[in-house]
Amino acid sequence: MKESRKSIRVDAQLFISYDILDKEGKVVQAGMALSEDLSRSGVKIKDRSILPVDTSVKIHLAVGEEVIDLIGKVRHVKKVSGSNYHIGVEFSEVDAELVKRLAKFYPEILQKKK
């Protein structure tokens, strides 16, 4: 599979909580997981739950002493072991201020892929 990501992924084992959103943006389910990596455009999380592709989610990343909220969509799900899954979430609403807040802790996310 060709890598289409334009920004660099950085290792980021962060505690996250997430809300699964319905078509109206209302929370229908919540969960907790750990992130595996992070970029300007998305996050890979490791969870025991399967989130269907195209599910809308609100991710709450605990970074340093703050929580950063990001909206995204599940783009892929891969079983990695037993009942653990890697879930790729692409952010759909990322503004410059959010990137700046993430870059305080992960400055590498500002770099472009070569």
Protein backbone atom coordinates (compact mmCIF):
# COMPACT_ATOMS: atom_id res chain seq x y z
CA MET A 1 0.00 0.00 0.00
CA LYS A 2 1.33 3.43 -0.95
CA GLU A 3 1.85 5.84 1.93
CA SER A 4 -0.29 8.92 1.27
CA ARG A 5 0.39 10.77 4.52
CA LYS A 6 2.08 14.15 3.93
CA SER A 7 3.15 14.86 7.51
CA ILE A 8 5.57 13.01 9.72
CA ARG A 9 4.31 10.56 12.32
CA VAL A 10 5.87 10.76 15.76
CA ASP A 11 5.77 8.13 18.46
CA ALA A 12 3.25 9.38 20.98
CA GLN A 13 1.93 7.08 23.66
CA LEU A 14 -0.80 9.29 25.06
CA PHE A 15 -3.84 8.53 27.14
CA ILE A 16 -6.93 9.39 25.12
CA SER A 17 -10.63 9.24 25.53
CA TYR A 18 -12.96 9.35 22.59
CA ASP A 19 -16.59 9.95 21.84
CA ILE A 20 -18.32 8.24 18.94
CA LEU A 21 -20.61 10.73 17.22
CA ASP A 22 -23.81 10.16 15.28
CA LYS A 23 -24.70 12.04 12.07
CA GLU A 24 -25.98 14.99 14.10
CA GLY A 25 -22.74 15.18 16.11
CA LYS A 26 -24.26 13.80 19.30
CA VAL A 27 -22.26 11.40 21.47
CA VAL A 28 -23.60 7.85 21.20
CA GLN A 29 -20.74 5.96 22.88
CA ALA A 30 -17.47 6.70 24.67
CA GLY A 31 -14.23 4.83 25.20
CA MET A 32 -10.62 5.07 26.35
CA ALA A 33 -7.43 3.95 24.64
CA LEU A 34 -3.76 4.75 24.09
CA SER A 35 -2.30 6.45 21.05
CA GLU A 36 0.56 4.83 19.15
CA ASP A 37 1.60 7.72 16.94
CA LEU A 38 0.52 11.21 16.01
CA SER A 39 0.80 13.57 13.06
CA ARG A 40 -0.71 16.90 12.07
CA SER A 41 -3.40 15.04 10.18
CA GLY A 42 -4.24 12.09 12.39
CA VAL A 43 -3.57 9.63 15.18
CA LYS A 44 -3.20 5.86 15.44
CA ILE A 45 -4.81 4.44 18.54
CA LYS A 46 -4.64 0.99 20.10
CA ASP A 47 -7.91 -0.28 21.50
CA ARG A 48 -9.80 -3.48 22.26
CA SER A 49 -12.90 -2.10 20.55
CA ILE A 50 -13.41 -2.05 16.81
CA LEU A 51 -14.56 1.29 15.48
CA PRO A 52 -16.12 0.96 12.03
CA VAL A 53 -14.46 2.78 9.13
CA ASP A 54 -16.01 6.23 8.50
CA THR A 55 -17.18 6.53 12.12
CA SER A 56 -16.99 10.14 13.33
CA VAL A 57 -15.09 10.53 16.59
CA LYS A 58 -14.07 13.29 18.94
CA ILE A 59 -10.63 12.51 20.35
CA HIS A 60 -9.51 13.97 23.68
CA LEU A 61 -5.68 13.79 23.84
CA ALA A 62 -3.98 14.25 27.20
CA VAL A 63 -0.81 16.15 26.24
CA GLY A 64 1.33 17.50 29.04
CA GLU A 65 -1.04 19.12 31.50
CA GLU A 66 -3.75 19.90 28.96
CA VAL A 67 -6.37 18.08 26.97
CA ILE A 68 -6.61 18.75 23.24
CA ASP A 69 -9.89 17.93 21.50
CA LEU A 70 -9.89 16.92 17.84
CA ILE A 71 -12.65 15.74 15.50
CA GLY A 72 -11.92 13.00 12.98
CA LYS A 73 -13.05 9.95 11.07
CA VAL A 74 -11.90 6.36 11.36
CA ARG A 75 -10.02 5.58 8.13
CA HIS A 76 -8.73 2.06 8.81
CA VAL A 77 -8.80 -0.70 11.42
CA LYS A 78 -6.23 -3.50 11.72
CA LYS A 79 -6.19 -6.39 14.19
CA VAL A 80 -2.71 -6.56 15.71
CA SER A 81 -2.98 -9.23 18.41
CA GLY A 82 -5.60 -11.12 20.38
CA SER A 83 -8.29 -8.51 20.91
CA ASN A 84 -6.14 -5.45 20.16
CA TYR A 85 -6.71 -3.24 17.13
CA HIS A 86 -4.87 -0.32 15.58
CA ILE A 87 -7.34 2.33 14.51
CA GLY A 88 -6.29 5.12 12.18
CA VAL A 89 -8.19 8.36 12.68
CA GLU A 90 -7.83 11.24 10.23
CA PHE A 91 -8.52 14.64 11.75
CA SER A 92 -11.16 16.62 9.90
CA GLU A 93 -10.94 19.87 11.82
CA VAL A 94 -7.40 20.98 12.58
CA ASP A 95 -6.59 24.66 12.82
CA ALA A 96 -3.23 26.38 13.24
CA GLU A 97 -3.80 26.89 16.97
CA LEU A 98 -4.29 23.15 17.58
CA VAL A 99 -1.16 22.30 15.59
CA LYS A 100 0.78 24.89 17.60
CA ARG A 101 -0.43 23.36 20.88
CA LEU A 102 0.55 19.84 19.73
CA ALA A 103 3.92 21.08 18.46
CA LYS A 104 4.84 22.36 21.95
CA PHE A 105 5.19 18.70 22.92
CA TYR A 106 5.90 17.13 19.51
CA PRO A 107 7.78 19.70 17.38
CA GLU A 108 8.51 17.05 14.73
CA ILE A 109 4.89 17.18 13.55
CA LEU A 110 5.66 20.52 11.90
CA GLN A 111 8.11 18.85 9.49
CA LYS A 112 6.96 17.72 6.06
CA LYS A 113 7.78 14.29 4.68
CA LYS A 114 10.68 14.15 2.27
